[in-house]
């Protein structure tokens, strides 16, 4: 009985991030249910308010170097290769982004330098699903 926002794959090259969403929570008794699996190096995942993520993205699009977001994430976690990371995050009404980070500039994971990074070496392929459900639902 959950609404599926997305069920897809994304490739994040070494030194890059990807913003998944925005995901809208419409009631105060709802939660975001996330499942993530990565092939390649471990990655960081950060949950941000949409306003924060939009501001950060605009700066990056204008040429700012990749650096941490303008305010701390609501939640952050690491996705290790070969395991499924599950997060059930009760949230208030609003819009949110999940940022997947494959860089040394943002999260706690520090991917090793890779000579082939400019041609795709060190890329992480993340399979994920994002669902909206009741906060008291089991995961």
Protein backbone atom coordinates (compact mmCIF):
# COMPACT_ATOMS: atom_id res chain seq x y z
CA UNK A 1 0.00 0.00 0.00
CA UNK A 2 2.90 2.35 -0.75
CA UNK A 3 3.28 4.82 -3.60
CA UNK A 4 6.39 4.10 -5.71
CA UNK A 5 8.24 7.28 -6.72
CA UNK A 6 11.07 5.54 -8.54
CA UNK A 7 12.57 2.12 -9.16
CA UNK A 8 15.63 2.55 -11.34
CA UNK A 9 19.41 2.62 -11.73
CA UNK A 10 21.81 5.53 -11.87
CA UNK A 11 25.54 5.69 -12.61
CA UNK A 12 27.64 8.13 -10.61
CA UNK A 13 31.15 8.66 -11.90
CA UNK A 14 34.11 9.22 -9.63
CA UNK A 15 34.06 12.78 -8.24
CA UNK A 16 30.35 13.32 -8.96
CA UNK A 17 26.96 13.34 -7.26
CA UNK A 18 23.45 12.52 -8.45
CA UNK A 19 20.28 14.07 -7.05
CA UNK A 20 17.33 11.69 -6.89
CA UNK A 21 13.90 13.25 -6.63
CA UNK A 22 12.31 15.47 -5.63
CA UNK A 23 10.11 13.23 -3.50
CA UNK A 24 7.02 14.82 -1.98
CA UNK A 25 5.67 13.86 1.43
CA UNK A 26 2.04 14.98 1.57
CA UNK A 27 1.02 14.11 5.16
CA UNK A 28 2.78 14.38 8.50
CA UNK A 29 2.27 10.67 9.28
CA UNK A 30 4.20 9.43 6.22
CA UNK A 31 7.70 8.12 5.67
CA UNK A 32 10.10 7.72 2.78
CA UNK A 33 11.13 4.09 2.24
CA UNK A 34 14.44 3.73 0.39
CA UNK A 35 16.22 0.60 -0.83
CA UNK A 36 19.67 0.99 -2.38
CA UNK A 37 22.25 -1.42 -3.74
CA UNK A 38 25.56 -0.39 -5.30
CA UNK A 39 27.89 -2.07 -7.78
CA UNK A 40 31.34 -0.55 -7.65
CA UNK A 41 32.74 1.52 -4.81
CA UNK A 42 30.81 2.41 -1.66
CA UNK A 43 28.83 5.66 -1.89
CA UNK A 44 27.28 8.14 0.50
CA UNK A 45 23.57 8.94 0.47
CA UNK A 46 22.27 12.20 1.93
CA UNK A 47 18.68 13.29 2.49
CA UNK A 48 18.18 17.02 1.93
CA UNK A 49 15.29 19.45 1.94
CA UNK A 50 14.44 20.45 -1.63
CA UNK A 51 15.32 24.12 -1.03
CA UNK A 52 18.78 23.17 0.21
CA UNK A 53 19.37 20.79 -2.71
CA UNK A 54 18.12 23.33 -5.26
CA UNK A 55 20.45 26.01 -3.90
CA UNK A 56 23.39 23.58 -3.94
CA UNK A 57 22.62 22.40 -7.49
CA UNK A 58 22.32 25.97 -8.78
CA UNK A 59 25.79 26.78 -7.44
CA UNK A 60 27.25 23.67 -9.07
CA UNK A 61 25.56 24.51 -12.37
CA UNK A 62 27.14 27.98 -12.23
CA UNK A 63 30.61 26.43 -11.88
CA UNK A 64 31.19 26.21 -8.12
CA UNK A 65 33.50 23.34 -7.19
CA UNK A 66 31.88 20.30 -5.60
CA UNK A 67 31.72 20.85 -1.86
CA UNK A 68 29.32 19.90 0.96
CA UNK A 69 25.73 21.19 0.74
CA UNK A 70 24.92 24.63 2.20
CA UNK A 71 23.34 23.06 5.30
CA UNK A 72 23.76 19.66 6.96
CA UNK A 73 21.69 16.79 5.59
CA UNK A 74 18.62 15.56 7.45
CA UNK A 75 20.17 12.11 7.40
CA UNK A 76 23.21 10.50 5.83
CA UNK A 77 24.28 6.89 5.41
CA UNK A 78 26.77 4.76 3.51
CA UNK A 79 25.81 2.18 0.91
CA UNK A 80 28.37 -0.62 0.75
CA UNK A 81 28.74 -2.82 -2.34
CA UNK A 82 27.06 -6.22 -2.20
CA UNK A 83 24.49 -5.30 0.45
CA UNK A 84 21.07 -3.71 0.33
CA UNK A 85 20.78 -0.53 2.39
CA UNK A 86 17.26 0.14 3.68
CA UNK A 87 16.13 3.39 5.22
CA UNK A 88 12.68 4.21 6.57
CA UNK A 89 12.62 7.94 7.25
CA UNK A 90 9.54 9.53 8.83
CA UNK A 91 9.28 13.08 7.49
CA UNK A 92 7.08 16.12 7.80
CA UNK A 93 5.17 17.46 4.81
CA UNK A 94 7.52 18.80 2.14
CA UNK A 95 9.78 17.92 -0.75
CA UNK A 96 13.10 16.14 -0.44
CA UNK A 97 16.07 14.97 -2.51
CA UNK A 98 18.32 11.99 -1.93
CA UNK A 99 21.84 12.82 -3.05
CA UNK A 100 24.18 9.96 -3.96
CA UNK A 101 27.82 10.96 -3.63
CA UNK A 102 30.83 9.25 -5.25
CA UNK A 103 33.38 11.90 -4.33
CA UNK A 104 35.86 12.77 -1.60
CA UNK A 105 34.37 16.27 -1.29
CA UNK A 106 30.99 15.62 0.32
CA UNK A 107 30.32 12.55 2.47
CA UNK A 108 32.38 10.28 4.70
CA UNK A 109 33.34 7.77 1.99
CA UNK A 110 36.59 8.77 0.35
CA UNK A 111 36.83 6.86 -2.95
CA UNK A 112 40.39 6.08 -3.99
CA UNK A 113 41.95 8.06 -6.81
CA UNK A 114 41.67 6.17 -10.09
CA UNK A 115 43.73 6.96 -13.18
CA UNK A 116 40.78 5.85 -15.30
CA UNK A 117 38.33 8.11 -13.45
CA UNK A 118 37.97 10.50 -16.39
CA UNK A 119 36.78 7.67 -18.64
CA UNK A 120 34.43 6.01 -16.18
CA UNK A 121 36.78 4.04 -13.93
CA UNK A 122 35.54 4.07 -10.34
CA UNK A 123 31.92 4.61 -11.36
CA UNK A 124 29.22 3.39 -9.01
CA UNK A 125 25.96 1.96 -10.34
CA UNK A 126 23.20 2.40 -7.79
CA UNK A 127 19.92 0.49 -8.05
CA UNK A 128 17.29 2.11 -5.88
CA UNK A 129 13.63 2.31 -5.11
CA UNK A 130 11.91 5.18 -3.32
CA UNK A 131 8.41 4.74 -1.90
CA UNK A 132 6.02 6.81 0.17
CA UNK A 133 4.05 5.06 2.87
CA UNK A 134 2.57 5.39 6.33
CA UNK A 135 5.16 6.03 9.04
CA UNK A 136 3.92 3.05 11.05
CA UNK A 137 4.27 0.59 8.11
CA UNK A 138 6.79 -2.21 8.46
CA UNK A 139 9.78 -2.27 6.14
